[in-house]
Amino acid sequence: MSDKWPIVKRQHYVPEMYLRNFADHREYIWAFNKETRSVFNTPIKNVAQERYFYDDADGPQYVEQYFSSLENDIAPILRRIISTFYLSDVHRLVNKTILTVADKTNLAWFIATQFLRTSDMRAWVTDFHEKLITAYAKTQLPSGTLRNLRIKLKKDSYQYSHAMFMFDEKLVTKLTEILFEQIWTVVTRSDDGVFYTSDTPVICFNHVDGTLQVGGLGKPGIEVIYPLNSRLVLVIRERSYLQRFSAFDNRYALIEGESADTYNEWQALMARRLVFCGMDQFEQAKEVVANAPKKKVEFDESRLNKQARDWFKSSGGKDR
């Protein structure tokens, strides 16, 4: 990577190369803001990004460079999946193989990193670390002392904490291996409806307990969705619990409108702030947001206390 890499101010946690698949020829995309309930049309450079989200301006932007290089490698794979769909007879699509082993491996790595790199994941990581450190601090105090203590991380530590998580090679490799082994299907709607994506595009649903989850990759019954454009969604299903879908592995498939609307509901529920579409069709998103409670991730405090004690012991300390 070159030291002369241009300084990037607007750093996307959902890539522009991905958002282009939902944009028009001007690179404008339709967006629905969950907080203000407003709909607007805007350039993709303005959304799913924050100023210096990964790297500051006063040093080498290694994270931004890494993601840019990765996205350049993945863009042709996504284009092939999409173009094959549009250039093929719909009745023959079911017999077409979607991905080579190499492309599937690379795309699995990309989806794993996309899962980890969002603003929503940063908030989750920060919240988790604050709770973990707080739980550890409480193990060092007499029982009941400072019961309402909550340690907060400094804002300038968010980048570092998130980067340590995103670039945990063992974690990313494990997620990639889990994704690779599952049932991959690219689905399209049987009606004229559209698919949404969002500022948190990789969604996990657990069919065992019927819940949307922040994580859970590898658990029995997990279904992962990753929209490719307003007509296509990549669906990755856990192989043991959802083995009835094995016939559609590495294939295209049609799904009914009700199932497609379910995927849109998941995007609207799990989006941090913005839901995206290739056109102004957000009636379902508006209804979902109006009727759904705010997303909340619960933490098991007893589990956090155990993790804190285990970490402290492993670092050579003595538990109290």
C-alpha atoms as a PDB file:
ATOM      1  CA  MET A   1       0.000   0.000   0.000  1.00  0.00           C
ATOM      2  CA  SER A   2       1.402   3.374  -0.981  1.00  0.00           C
ATOM      3  CA  ASP A   3       2.403   6.067   1.523  1.00  0.00           C
ATOM      4  CA  LYS A   4       1.031   8.542  -1.057  1.00  0.00           C
ATOM      5  CA  TRP A   5      -2.506   7.239  -0.668  1.00  0.00           C
ATOM      6  CA  PRO A   6      -4.876  10.258  -0.771  1.00  0.00           C
ATOM      7  CA  ILE A   7      -6.404  11.295   2.531  1.00  0.00           C
ATOM      8  CA  VAL A   8     -10.002  10.054   2.760  1.00  0.00           C
ATOM      9  CA  LYS A   9     -12.302  12.096   4.989  1.00  0.00           C
ATOM     10  CA  ARG A  10     -15.617  10.331   4.379  1.00  0.00           C
ATOM     11  CA  GLN A  11     -14.902   6.754   5.348  1.00  0.00           C
ATOM     12  CA  HIS A  12     -17.664   4.299   4.502  1.00  0.00           C
ATOM     13  CA  TYR A  13     -18.583   1.414   6.785  1.00  0.00           C
ATOM     14  CA  VAL A  14     -20.852   0.172   3.983  1.00  0.00           C
ATOM     15  CA  PRO A  15     -18.812   0.427   0.754  1.00  0.00           C
ATOM     16  CA  GLU A  16     -19.709   2.803  -2.052  1.00  0.00           C
ATOM     17  CA  MET A  17     -19.014  -0.001  -4.541  1.00  0.00           C
ATOM     18  CA  TYR A  18     -21.816  -1.983  -2.824  1.00  0.00           C
ATOM     19  CA  LEU A  19     -24.251   0.938  -2.584  1.00  0.00           C
ATOM     20  CA  ARG A  20     -23.864   1.586  -6.328  1.00  0.00           C
ATOM     21  CA  ASN A  21     -25.880  -1.587  -6.912  1.00  0.00           C
ATOM     22  CA  PHE A  22     -28.877   0.221  -5.368  1.00  0.00           C
ATOM     23  CA  ALA A  23     -28.206   3.612  -6.966  1.00  0.00           C
ATOM     24  CA  ASP A  24     -29.154   5.220 -10.274  1.00  0.00           C
ATOM     25  CA  HIS A  25     -26.748   6.325 -13.016  1.00  0.00           C
ATOM     26  CA  ARG A  26     -25.981   9.531 -11.074  1.00  0.00           C
ATOM     27  CA  GLU A  27     -24.991   7.398  -8.057  1.00  0.00           C
ATOM     28  CA  TYR A  28     -27.975   8.669  -6.077  1.00  0.00           C
ATOM     29  CA  ILE A  29     -29.772   6.304  -3.702  1.00  0.00           C
ATOM     30  CA  TRP A  30     -33.124   6.451  -1.912  1.00  0.00           C
ATOM     31  CA  ALA A  31     -32.932   6.401   1.884  1.00  0.00           C
ATOM     32  CA  PHE A  32     -35.387   6.205   4.777  1.00  0.00           C
ATOM     33  CA  ASN A  33     -34.309   7.676   8.106  1.00  0.00           C
ATOM     34  CA  LYS A  34     -35.712   5.620  11.003  1.00  0.00           C
ATOM     35  CA  GLU A  35     -35.266   8.453  13.494  1.00  0.00           C
ATOM     36  CA  THR A  36     -36.944  11.274  11.554  1.00  0.00           C
ATOM     37  CA  ARG A  37     -39.195   8.984   9.433  1.00  0.00           C
ATOM     38  CA  SER A  38     -38.114  11.016   6.387  1.00  0.00           C
ATOM     39  CA  VAL A  39     -37.365   9.766   2.853  1.00  0.00           C
ATOM     40  CA  PHE A  40     -34.726  11.435   0.705  1.00  0.00           C
ATOM     41  CA  ASN A  41     -32.624  10.904  -2.429  1.00  0.00           C
ATOM     42  CA  THR A  42     -28.906  11.488  -1.964  1.00  0.00           C
ATOM     43  CA  PRO A  43     -25.487  10.666  -3.440  1.00  0.00           C
ATOM     44  CA  ILE A  44     -24.043   7.420  -2.092  1.00  0.00           C
ATOM     45  CA  LYS A  45     -20.968   9.317  -0.917  1.00  0.00           C
ATOM     46  CA  ASN A  46     -23.135  10.919   1.784  1.00  0.00           C
ATOM     47  CA  VAL A  47     -24.509   7.805   3.481  1.00  0.00           C
ATOM     48  CA  ALA A  48     -23.211   4.895   5.577  1.00  0.00           C
ATOM     49  CA  GLN A  49     -20.061   6.872   6.355  1.00  0.00           C
ATOM     50  CA  GLU A  50     -18.551   9.042   9.035  1.00  0.00           C
ATOM     51  CA  ARG A  51     -15.761  11.555   8.962  1.00  0.00           C
ATOM     52  CA  TYR A  52     -12.524   9.696   9.732  1.00  0.00           C
ATOM     53  CA  PHE A  53     -14.459   6.665  10.960  1.00  0.00           C
ATOM     54  CA  TYR A  54     -11.461   4.295  10.752  1.00  0.00           C
ATOM     55  CA  ASP A  55      -8.370   6.494  10.412  1.00  0.00           C
ATOM     56  CA  ASP A  56      -7.456  10.051  11.325  1.00  0.00           C
ATOM     57  CA  ALA A  57      -5.987  12.528   8.869  1.00  0.00           C
ATOM     58  CA  ASP A  58      -2.629  12.838  10.628  1.00  0.00           C
ATOM     59  CA  GLY A  59      -1.291   9.375   9.884  1.00  0.00           C
ATOM     60  CA  PRO A  60      -1.306   6.537   7.319  1.00  0.00           C
ATOM     61  CA  GLN A  61      -4.884   5.445   6.690  1.00  0.00           C
ATOM     62  CA  TYR A  62      -4.124   1.743   6.785  1.00  0.00           C
ATOM     63  CA  VAL A  63      -7.667   0.609   7.597  1.00  0.00           C
ATOM     64  CA  GLU A  64      -9.204   2.664   4.793  1.00  0.00           C
ATOM     65  CA  GLN A  65      -6.544   1.373   2.386  1.00  0.00           C
ATOM     66  CA  TYR A  66      -7.176  -2.226   3.405  1.00  0.00           C
ATOM     67  CA  PHE A  67     -10.917  -1.983   2.859  1.00  0.00           C
ATOM     68  CA  SER A  68     -10.465  -0.172  -0.455  1.00  0.00           C
ATOM     69  CA  SER A  69      -8.212  -2.959  -1.726  1.00  0.00           C
ATOM     70  CA  LEU A  70     -10.620  -5.644  -0.490  1.00  0.00           C
ATOM     71  CA  GLU A  71     -13.592  -3.928  -2.134  1.00  0.00           C
ATOM     72  CA  ASN A  72     -11.745  -3.719  -5.453  1.00  0.00           C
ATOM     73  CA  ASP A  73     -11.273  -7.496  -5.338  1.00  0.00           C
ATOM     74  CA  ILE A  74     -14.906  -8.213  -4.450  1.00  0.00           C
ATOM     75  CA  ALA A  75     -16.651  -5.798  -6.838  1.00  0.00           C
ATOM     76  CA  PRO A  76     -16.167  -8.043  -9.938  1.00  0.00           C
ATOM     77  CA  ILE A  77     -17.634 -11.023  -8.049  1.00  0.00           C
ATOM     78  CA  LEU A  78     -20.773  -9.114  -7.136  1.00  0.00           C
ATOM     79  CA  ARG A  79     -21.068  -7.790 -10.704  1.00  0.00           C
ATOM     80  CA  ARG A  80     -20.894 -11.334 -12.105  1.00  0.00           C
ATOM     81  CA  ILE A  81     -23.639 -12.571  -9.792  1.00  0.00           C
ATOM     82  CA  ILE A  82     -25.904  -9.673 -10.730  1.00  0.00           C
ATOM     83  CA  SER A  83     -25.151  -9.657 -14.462  1.00  0.00           C
ATOM     84  CA  THR A  84     -25.676 -13.427 -14.730  1.00  0.00           C
ATOM     85  CA  PHE A  85     -29.150 -12.957 -13.299  1.00  0.00           C
ATOM     86  CA  TYR A  86     -30.099 -10.195 -15.748  1.00  0.00           C
ATOM     87  CA  LEU A  87     -28.556 -11.861 -18.808  1.00  0.00           C
ATOM     88  CA  SER A  88     -30.117 -15.289 -18.257  1.00  0.00           C
ATOM     89  CA  ASP A  89     -33.537 -16.688 -18.908  1.00  0.00           C
ATOM     90  CA  VAL A  90     -35.304 -16.799 -15.555  1.00  0.00           C
ATOM     91  CA  HIS A  91     -36.351 -20.439 -16.057  1.00  0.00           C
ATOM     92  CA  ARG A  92     -32.749 -21.523 -16.612  1.00  0.00           C
ATOM     93  CA  LEU A  93     -31.328 -19.676 -13.623  1.00  0.00           C
ATOM     94  CA  VAL A  94     -32.080 -22.542 -11.247  1.00  0.00           C
ATOM     95  CA  ASN A  95     -29.483 -24.672 -13.022  1.00  0.00           C
ATOM     96  CA  LYS A  96     -26.735 -22.044 -13.005  1.00  0.00           C
ATOM     97  CA  THR A  97     -23.882 -22.284 -10.525  1.00  0.00           C
ATOM     98  CA  ILE A  98     -23.334 -18.965  -8.785  1.00  0.00           C
ATOM     99  CA  LEU A  99     -19.784 -19.065  -7.435  1.00  0.00           C
ATOM    100  CA  THR A 100     -16.481 -20.832  -7.874  1.00  0.00           C
ATOM    101  CA  VAL A 101     -14.732 -22.043  -4.733  1.00  0.00           C
ATOM    102  CA  ALA A 102     -12.276 -19.147  -4.924  1.00  0.00           C
ATOM    103  CA  ASP A 103     -15.018 -16.548  -5.369  1.00  0.00           C
ATOM    104  CA  LYS A 104     -17.039 -18.043  -2.526  1.00  0.00           C
ATOM    105  CA  THR A 105     -14.011 -17.969  -0.219  1.00  0.00           C
ATOM    106  CA  ASN A 106     -13.281 -14.335  -1.035  1.00  0.00           C
ATOM    107  CA  LEU A 107     -16.905 -13.301  -0.702  1.00  0.00           C
ATOM    108  CA  ALA A 108     -17.227 -15.117   2.630  1.00  0.00           C
ATOM    109  CA  TRP A 109     -14.229 -13.147   3.941  1.00  0.00           C
ATOM    110  CA  PHE A 110     -15.759  -9.908   2.664  1.00  0.00           C
ATOM    111  CA  ILE A 111     -19.144 -10.598   4.290  1.00  0.00           C
ATOM    112  CA  ALA A 112     -17.411 -11.470   7.571  1.00  0.00           C
ATOM    113  CA  THR A 113     -15.562  -8.135   7.516  1.00  0.00           C
ATOM    114  CA  GLN A 114     -18.723  -6.252   6.513  1.00  0.00           C
ATOM    115  CA  PHE A 115     -20.468  -7.838   9.485  1.00  0.00           C
ATOM    116  CA  LEU A 116     -17.725  -6.497  11.788  1.00  0.00           C
ATOM    117  CA  ARG A 117     -17.025  -3.049  10.319  1.00  0.00           C
ATOM    118  CA  THR A 118     -20.300  -1.126  10.689  1.00  0.00           C
ATOM    119  CA  SER A 119     -21.154   1.765  12.977  1.00  0.00           C
ATOM    120  CA  ASP A 120     -23.681  -0.468  14.700  1.00  0.00           C
ATOM    121  CA  MET A 121     -20.996  -3.056  15.443  1.00  0.00           C
ATOM    122  CA  ARG A 122     -18.701  -0.354  16.811  1.00  0.00           C
ATOM    123  CA  ALA A 123     -21.446   0.722  19.198  1.00  0.00           C
ATOM    124  CA  TRP A 124     -21.969  -2.914  20.214  1.00  0.00           C
ATOM    125  CA  VAL A 125     -18.233  -3.503  20.761  1.00  0.00           C
ATOM    126  CA  THR A 126     -17.912  -0.305  22.779  1.00  0.00           C
ATOM    127  CA  ASP A 127     -20.928  -1.180  24.902  1.00  0.00           C
ATOM    128  CA  PHE A 128     -19.639  -4.706  25.466  1.00  0.00           C
ATOM    129  CA  HIS A 129     -16.156  -3.515  26.458  1.00  0.00           C
ATOM    130  CA  GLU A 130     -17.593  -0.931  28.850  1.00  0.00           C
ATOM    131  CA  LYS A 131     -19.756  -3.567  30.503  1.00  0.00           C
ATOM    132  CA  LEU A 132     -16.869  -6.039  30.646  1.00  0.00           C
ATOM    133  CA  ILE A 133     -14.495  -3.504  32.242  1.00  0.00           C
ATOM    134  CA  THR A 134     -17.226  -2.436  34.658  1.00  0.00           C
ATOM    135  CA  ALA A 135     -17.868  -6.066  35.594  1.00  0.00           C
ATOM    136  CA  TYR A 136     -14.140  -6.572  36.175  1.00  0.00           C
ATOM    137  CA  ALA A 137     -13.937  -3.456  38.374  1.00  0.00           C
ATOM    138  CA  LYS A 138     -16.780  -4.768  40.503  1.00  0.00           C
ATOM    139  CA  THR A 139     -14.882  -8.024  41.107  1.00  0.00           C
ATOM    140  CA  GLN A 140     -12.196  -5.921  42.816  1.00  0.00           C
ATOM    141  CA  LEU A 141     -14.609  -4.300  45.262  1.00  0.00           C
ATOM    142  CA  PRO A 142     -16.602  -5.671  48.209  1.00  0.00           C
ATOM    143  CA  SER A 143     -19.918  -7.174  47.187  1.00  0.00           C
ATOM    144  CA  GLY A 144     -22.557  -4.496  46.645  1.00  0.00           C
ATOM    145  CA  THR A 145     -20.083  -1.602  46.512  1.00  0.00           C
ATOM    146  CA  LEU A 146     -20.782   0.932  43.773  1.00  0.00           C
ATOM    147  CA  ARG A 147     -23.633  -1.192  42.496  1.00  0.00           C
ATOM    148  CA  ASN A 148     -24.544   1.462  39.913  1.00  0.00           C
ATOM    149  CA  LEU A 149     -20.986   1.930  38.636  1.00  0.00           C
ATOM    150  CA  ARG A 150     -20.656   2.147  34.842  1.00  0.00           C
ATOM    151  CA  ILE A 151     -17.229   2.775  33.315  1.00  0.00           C
ATOM    152  CA  LYS A 152     -17.284   4.695  30.018  1.00  0.00           C
ATOM    153  CA  LEU A 153     -14.550   4.563  27.380  1.00  0.00           C
ATOM    154  CA  LYS A 154     -13.152   7.791  25.986  1.00  0.00           C
ATOM    155  CA  LYS A 155     -14.451   8.535  22.513  1.00  0.00           C
ATOM    156  CA  ASP A 156     -10.942   8.599  21.051  1.00  0.00           C
ATOM    157  CA  SER A 157     -10.536   4.942  22.065  1.00  0.00           C
ATOM    158  CA  TYR A 158     -13.521   3.766  19.975  1.00  0.00           C
ATOM    159  CA  GLN A 159     -11.461   3.442  16.783  1.00  0.00           C
ATOM    160  CA  TYR A 160      -8.785   1.361  18.486  1.00  0.00           C
ATOM    161  CA  SER A 161     -11.265  -0.901  20.256  1.00  0.00           C
ATOM    162  CA  HIS A 162     -13.180  -1.482  17.017  1.00  0.00           C
ATOM    163  CA  ALA A 163     -10.004  -2.068  14.970  1.00  0.00           C
ATOM    164  CA  MET A 164      -8.772  -4.720  17.418  1.00  0.00           C
ATOM    165  CA  PHE A 165     -12.074  -6.493  16.886  1.00  0.00           C
ATOM    166  CA  MET A 166     -12.215  -6.102  13.074  1.00  0.00           C
ATOM    167  CA  PHE A 167      -8.637  -7.262  12.571  1.00  0.00           C
ATOM    168  CA  ASP A 168      -8.695 -10.217  14.930  1.00  0.00           C
ATOM    169  CA  GLU A 169      -7.447 -12.660  12.281  1.00  0.00           C
ATOM    170  CA  LYS A 170      -8.635 -15.737  14.181  1.00  0.00           C
ATOM    171  CA  LEU A 171     -12.125 -14.262  14.489  1.00  0.00           C
ATOM    172  CA  VAL A 172     -12.401 -13.214  10.832  1.00  0.00           C
ATOM    173  CA  THR A 173     -10.985 -16.556   9.655  1.00  0.00           C
ATOM    174  CA  LYS A 174     -13.446 -18.455  11.846  1.00  0.00           C
ATOM    175  CA  LEU A 175     -16.409 -16.421  10.579  1.00  0.00           C
ATOM    176  CA  THR A 176     -15.240 -16.935   6.988  1.00  0.00           C
ATOM    177  CA  GLU A 177     -14.994 -20.710   7.486  1.00  0.00           C
ATOM    178  CA  ILE A 178     -18.446 -20.834   9.071  1.00  0.00           C
ATOM    179  CA  LEU A 179     -20.014 -18.843   6.235  1.00  0.00           C
ATOM    180  CA  PHE A 180     -18.240 -20.854   3.541  1.00  0.00           C
ATOM    181  CA  GLU A 181     -19.642 -24.175   4.793  1.00  0.00           C
ATOM    182  CA  GLN A 182     -23.280 -23.099   4.724  1.00  0.00           C
ATOM    183  CA  ILE A 183     -25.958 -23.226   1.996  1.00  0.00           C
ATOM    184  CA  TRP A 184     -25.617 -20.227  -0.344  1.00  0.00           C
ATOM    185  CA  THR A 185     -28.570 -19.151  -2.490  1.00  0.00           C
ATOM    186  CA  VAL A 186     -29.236 -15.959  -4.428  1.00  0.00           C
ATOM    187  CA  VAL A 187     -32.960 -15.289  -4.312  1.00  0.00           C
ATOM    188  CA  THR A 188     -35.142 -12.969  -6.376  1.00  0.00           C
ATOM    189  CA  ARG A 189     -38.741 -11.964  -5.851  1.00  0.00           C
ATOM    190  CA  SER A 190     -41.502 -13.641  -7.817  1.00  0.00           C
ATOM    191  CA  ASP A 191     -43.451 -10.347  -7.768  1.00  0.00           C
ATOM    192  CA  ASP A 192     -42.565  -6.778  -8.780  1.00  0.00           C
ATOM    193  CA  GLY A 193     -41.525  -5.737  -5.297  1.00  0.00           C
ATOM    194  CA  VAL A 194     -38.083  -4.585  -4.163  1.00  0.00           C
ATOM    195  CA  PHE A 195     -35.490  -5.534  -1.574  1.00  0.00           C
ATOM    196  CA  TYR A 196     -34.083  -3.132   0.983  1.00  0.00           C
ATOM    197  CA  THR A 197     -30.581  -2.886   2.307  1.00  0.00           C
ATOM    198  CA  SER A 198     -29.355  -0.673   5.147  1.00  0.00           C
ATOM    199  CA  ASP A 199     -26.425   0.771   7.054  1.00  0.00           C
ATOM    200  CA  THR A 200     -26.226  -2.667   8.711  1.00  0.00           C
ATOM    201  CA  PRO A 201     -26.629  -4.884   5.624  1.00  0.00           C
ATOM    202  CA  VAL A 202     -25.559  -8.288   7.004  1.00  0.00           C
ATOM    203  CA  ILE A 203     -28.480  -9.627   9.056  1.00  0.00           C
ATOM    204  CA  CYS A 204     -28.623 -12.801  11.171  1.00  0.00           C
ATOM    205  CA  PHE A 205     -31.892 -14.541  12.055  1.00  0.00           C
ATOM    206  CA  ASN A 206     -32.091 -17.578  14.329  1.00  0.00           C
ATOM    207  CA  HIS A 207     -34.829 -19.979  13.207  1.00  0.00           C
ATOM    208  CA  VAL A 208     -34.497 -22.041  16.395  1.00  0.00           C
ATOM    209  CA  ASP A 209     -35.765 -19.299  18.709  1.00  0.00           C
ATOM    210  CA  GLY A 210     -37.201 -16.948  16.071  1.00  0.00           C
ATOM    211  CA  THR A 211     -35.024 -13.939  16.908  1.00  0.00           C
ATOM    212  CA  LEU A 212     -32.858 -11.450  15.061  1.00  0.00           C
ATOM    213  CA  GLN A 213     -29.355 -11.477  16.495  1.00  0.00           C
ATOM    214  CA  VAL A 214     -26.284  -9.254  16.495  1.00  0.00           C
ATOM    215  CA  GLY A 215     -24.144 -12.367  16.078  1.00  0.00           C
ATOM    216  CA  GLY A 216     -24.712 -16.079  16.296  1.00  0.00           C
ATOM    217  CA  LEU A 217     -22.899 -17.174  13.146  1.00  0.00           C
ATOM    218  CA  GLY A 218     -22.384 -20.913  13.336  1.00  0.00           C
ATOM    219  CA  LYS A 219     -25.299 -21.605  15.661  1.00  0.00           C
ATOM    220  CA  PRO A 220     -27.912 -24.134  14.469  1.00  0.00           C
ATOM    221  CA  GLY A 221     -30.691 -22.467  12.520  1.00  0.00           C
ATOM    222  CA  ILE A 222     -28.916 -19.225  11.634  1.00  0.00           C
ATOM    223  CA  GLU A 223     -29.896 -17.585   8.351  1.00  0.00           C
ATOM    224  CA  VAL A 224     -27.755 -14.711   7.071  1.00  0.00           C
ATOM    225  CA  ILE A 225     -29.022 -12.296   4.444  1.00  0.00           C
ATOM    226  CA  TYR A 226     -26.959  -9.854   2.391  1.00  0.00           C
ATOM    227  CA  PRO A 227     -28.907  -7.902  -0.273  1.00  0.00           C
ATOM    228  CA  LEU A 228     -27.069  -7.511  -3.588  1.00  0.00           C
ATOM    229  CA  ASN A 229     -29.392  -5.009  -5.249  1.00  0.00           C
ATOM    230  CA  SER A 230     -33.092  -4.141  -5.202  1.00  0.00           C
ATOM    231  CA  ARG A 231     -33.966  -7.454  -6.891  1.00  0.00           C
ATOM    232  CA  LEU A 232     -31.466  -9.930  -5.409  1.00  0.00           C
ATOM    233  CA  VAL A 233     -30.498 -11.130  -1.934  1.00  0.00           C
ATOM    234  CA  LEU A 234     -27.722 -13.547  -1.028  1.00  0.00           C
ATOM    235  CA  VAL A 235     -29.085 -15.959   1.587  1.00  0.00           C
ATOM    236  CA  ILE A 236     -26.666 -18.099   3.634  1.00  0.00           C
ATOM    237  CA  ARG A 237     -28.363 -20.834   5.668  1.00  0.00           C
ATOM    238  CA  GLU A 238     -26.837 -22.999   8.397  1.00  0.00           C
ATOM    239  CA  ARG A 239     -26.521 -26.438   6.884  1.00  0.00           C
ATOM    240  CA  SER A 240     -27.697 -28.815   9.639  1.00  0.00           C
ATOM    241  CA  TYR A 241     -30.927 -27.218  10.864  1.00  0.00           C
ATOM    242  CA  LEU A 242     -31.892 -25.803   7.446  1.00  0.00           C
ATOM    243  CA  GLN A 243     -30.808 -28.798   5.348  1.00  0.00           C
ATOM    244  CA  ARG A 244     -34.145 -28.746   3.478  1.00  0.00           C
ATOM    245  CA  PHE A 245     -32.641 -25.920   1.398  1.00  0.00           C
ATOM    246  CA  SER A 246     -29.644 -28.002   0.262  1.00  0.00           C
ATOM    247  CA  ALA A 247     -31.071 -28.402  -3.245  1.00  0.00           C
ATOM    248  CA  PHE A 248     -30.630 -24.640  -3.717  1.00  0.00           C
ATOM    249  CA  ASP A 249     -26.970 -24.583  -2.680  1.00  0.00           C
ATOM    250  CA  ASN A 250     -24.945 -22.312  -4.984  1.00  0.00           C
ATOM    251  CA  ARG A 251     -28.054 -21.642  -7.079  1.00  0.00           C
ATOM    252  CA  TYR A 252     -30.530 -18.883  -7.898  1.00  0.00           C
ATOM    253  CA  ALA A 253     -34.092 -19.278  -6.615  1.00  0.00           C
ATOM    254  CA  LEU A 254     -37.442 -17.508  -6.665  1.00  0.00           C
ATOM    255  CA  ILE A 255     -39.184 -16.589  -3.420  1.00  0.00           C
ATOM    256  CA  GLU A 256     -42.737 -15.440  -2.819  1.00  0.00           C
ATOM    257  CA  GLY A 257     -43.559 -11.878  -1.867  1.00  0.00           C
ATOM    258  CA  GLU A 258     -44.292 -12.704   1.773  1.00  0.00           C
ATOM    259  CA  SER A 259     -40.844 -14.240   2.289  1.00  0.00           C
ATOM    260  CA  ALA A 260     -39.219 -11.315   0.504  1.00  0.00           C
ATOM    261  CA  ASP A 261     -41.085  -8.871   2.726  1.00  0.00           C
ATOM    262  CA  THR A 262     -39.701 -10.717   5.743  1.00  0.00           C
ATOM    263  CA  TYR A 263     -36.169  -9.923   4.583  1.00  0.00           C
ATOM    264  CA  ASN A 264     -37.152  -6.266   4.225  1.00  0.00           C
ATOM    265  CA  GLU A 265     -38.599  -6.303   7.722  1.00  0.00           C
ATOM    266  CA  TRP A 266     -35.285  -7.602   9.096  1.00  0.00           C
ATOM    267  CA  GLN A 267     -33.381  -4.818   7.342  1.00  0.00           C
ATOM    268  CA  ALA A 268     -35.731  -2.161   8.699  1.00  0.00           C
ATOM    269  CA  LEU A 269     -35.543  -3.547  12.222  1.00  0.00           C
ATOM    270  CA  MET A 270     -31.769  -3.966  12.368  1.00  0.00           C
ATOM    271  CA  ALA A 271     -30.697  -0.811  10.512  1.00  0.00           C
ATOM    272  CA  ARG A 272     -28.920   1.561  12.840  1.00  0.00           C
ATOM    273  CA  ARG A 273     -30.430   4.652  11.209  1.00  0.00           C
ATOM    274  CA  LEU A 274     -30.868   4.367   7.423  1.00  0.00           C
ATOM    275  CA  VAL A 275     -32.697   1.899   5.162  1.00  0.00           C
ATOM    276  CA  PHE A 276     -31.781   2.025   1.447  1.00  0.00           C
ATOM    277  CA  CYS A 277     -33.550   1.106  -1.780  1.00  0.00           C
ATOM    278  CA  GLY A 278     -33.180   1.638  -5.493  1.00  0.00           C
ATOM    279  CA  MET A 279     -36.484   3.513  -5.575  1.00  0.00           C
ATOM    280  CA  ASP A 280     -38.850   5.357  -3.276  1.00  0.00           C
ATOM    281  CA  GLN A 281     -40.761   2.350  -1.952  1.00  0.00           C
ATOM    282  CA  PHE A 282     -40.535   2.559   1.836  1.00  0.00           C
ATOM    283  CA  GLU A 283     -44.132   1.901   2.865  1.00  0.00           C
ATOM    284  CA  GLN A 284     -43.144  -1.369   4.544  1.00  0.00           C
ATOM    285  CA  ALA A 285     -40.129   0.183   6.291  1.00  0.00           C
ATOM    286  CA  LYS A 286     -42.301   2.971   7.678  1.00  0.00           C
ATOM    287  CA  GLU A 287     -44.833   0.467   8.996  1.00  0.00           C
ATOM    288  CA  VAL A 288     -42.166  -1.752  10.559  1.00  0.00           C
ATOM    289  CA  VAL A 289     -40.458   1.153  12.333  1.00  0.00           C
ATOM    290  CA  ALA A 290     -43.776   2.573  13.547  1.00  0.00           C
ATOM    291  CA  ASN A 291     -44.820  -0.731  15.091  1.00  0.00           C
ATOM    292  CA  ALA A 292     -41.506  -2.114  16.343  1.00  0.00           C
ATOM    293  CA  PRO A 293     -39.798  -1.346  19.634  1.00  0.00           C
ATOM    294  CA  LYS A 294     -36.267  -0.006  19.494  1.00  0.00           C
ATOM    295  CA  LYS A 295     -33.616  -2.625  18.934  1.00  0.00           C
ATOM    296  CA  LYS A 296     -31.903  -3.601  22.169  1.00  0.00           C
ATOM    297  CA  VAL A 297     -29.084  -6.036  22.849  1.00  0.00           C
ATOM    298  CA  GLU A 298     -29.221  -7.637  26.266  1.00  0.00           C
ATOM    299  CA  PHE A 299     -26.044  -8.635  28.093  1.00  0.00           C
ATOM    300  CA  ASP A 300     -25.776 -11.482  30.579  1.00  0.00           C
ATOM    301  CA  GLU A 301     -24.202  -9.705  33.566  1.00  0.00           C
ATOM    302  CA  SER A 302     -23.241 -12.949  35.324  1.00  0.00           C
ATOM    303  CA  ARG A 303     -21.465 -14.117  32.157  1.00  0.00           C
ATOM    304  CA  LEU A 304     -19.636 -10.802  31.936  1.00  0.00           C
ATOM    305  CA  ASN A 305     -18.519 -11.126  35.561  1.00  0.00           C
ATOM    306  CA  LYS A 306     -17.117 -14.581  34.822  1.00  0.00           C
ATOM    307  CA  GLN A 307     -15.319 -13.292  31.713  1.00  0.00           C
ATOM    308  CA  ALA A 308     -13.839 -10.460  33.757  1.00  0.00           C
ATOM    309  CA  ARG A 309     -12.569 -12.824  36.449  1.00  0.00           C
ATOM    310  CA  ASP A 310     -11.145 -15.248  33.869  1.00  0.00           C
ATOM    311  CA  TRP A 311      -9.382 -12.419  32.049  1.00  0.00           C
ATOM    312  CA  PHE A 312      -7.961 -11.043  35.289  1.00  0.00           C
ATOM    313  CA  LYS A 313      -6.652 -14.452  36.387  1.00  0.00           C
ATOM    314  CA  SER A 314      -5.097 -15.111  32.964  1.00  0.00           C
ATOM    315  CA  SER A 315      -3.241 -11.796  33.204  1.00  0.00           C
ATOM    316  CA  GLY A 316      -1.629 -12.856  36.476  1.00  0.00           C
ATOM    317  CA  GLY A 317      -3.887 -11.061  38.922  1.00  0.00           C
ATOM    318  CA  LYS A 318      -5.528 -12.412  42.056  1.00  0.00           C
ATOM    319  CA  ASP A 319      -9.264 -12.391  42.218  1.00  0.00           C
ATOM    320  CA  ARG A 320     -10.922 -10.985  45.317  1.00  0.00           C
END
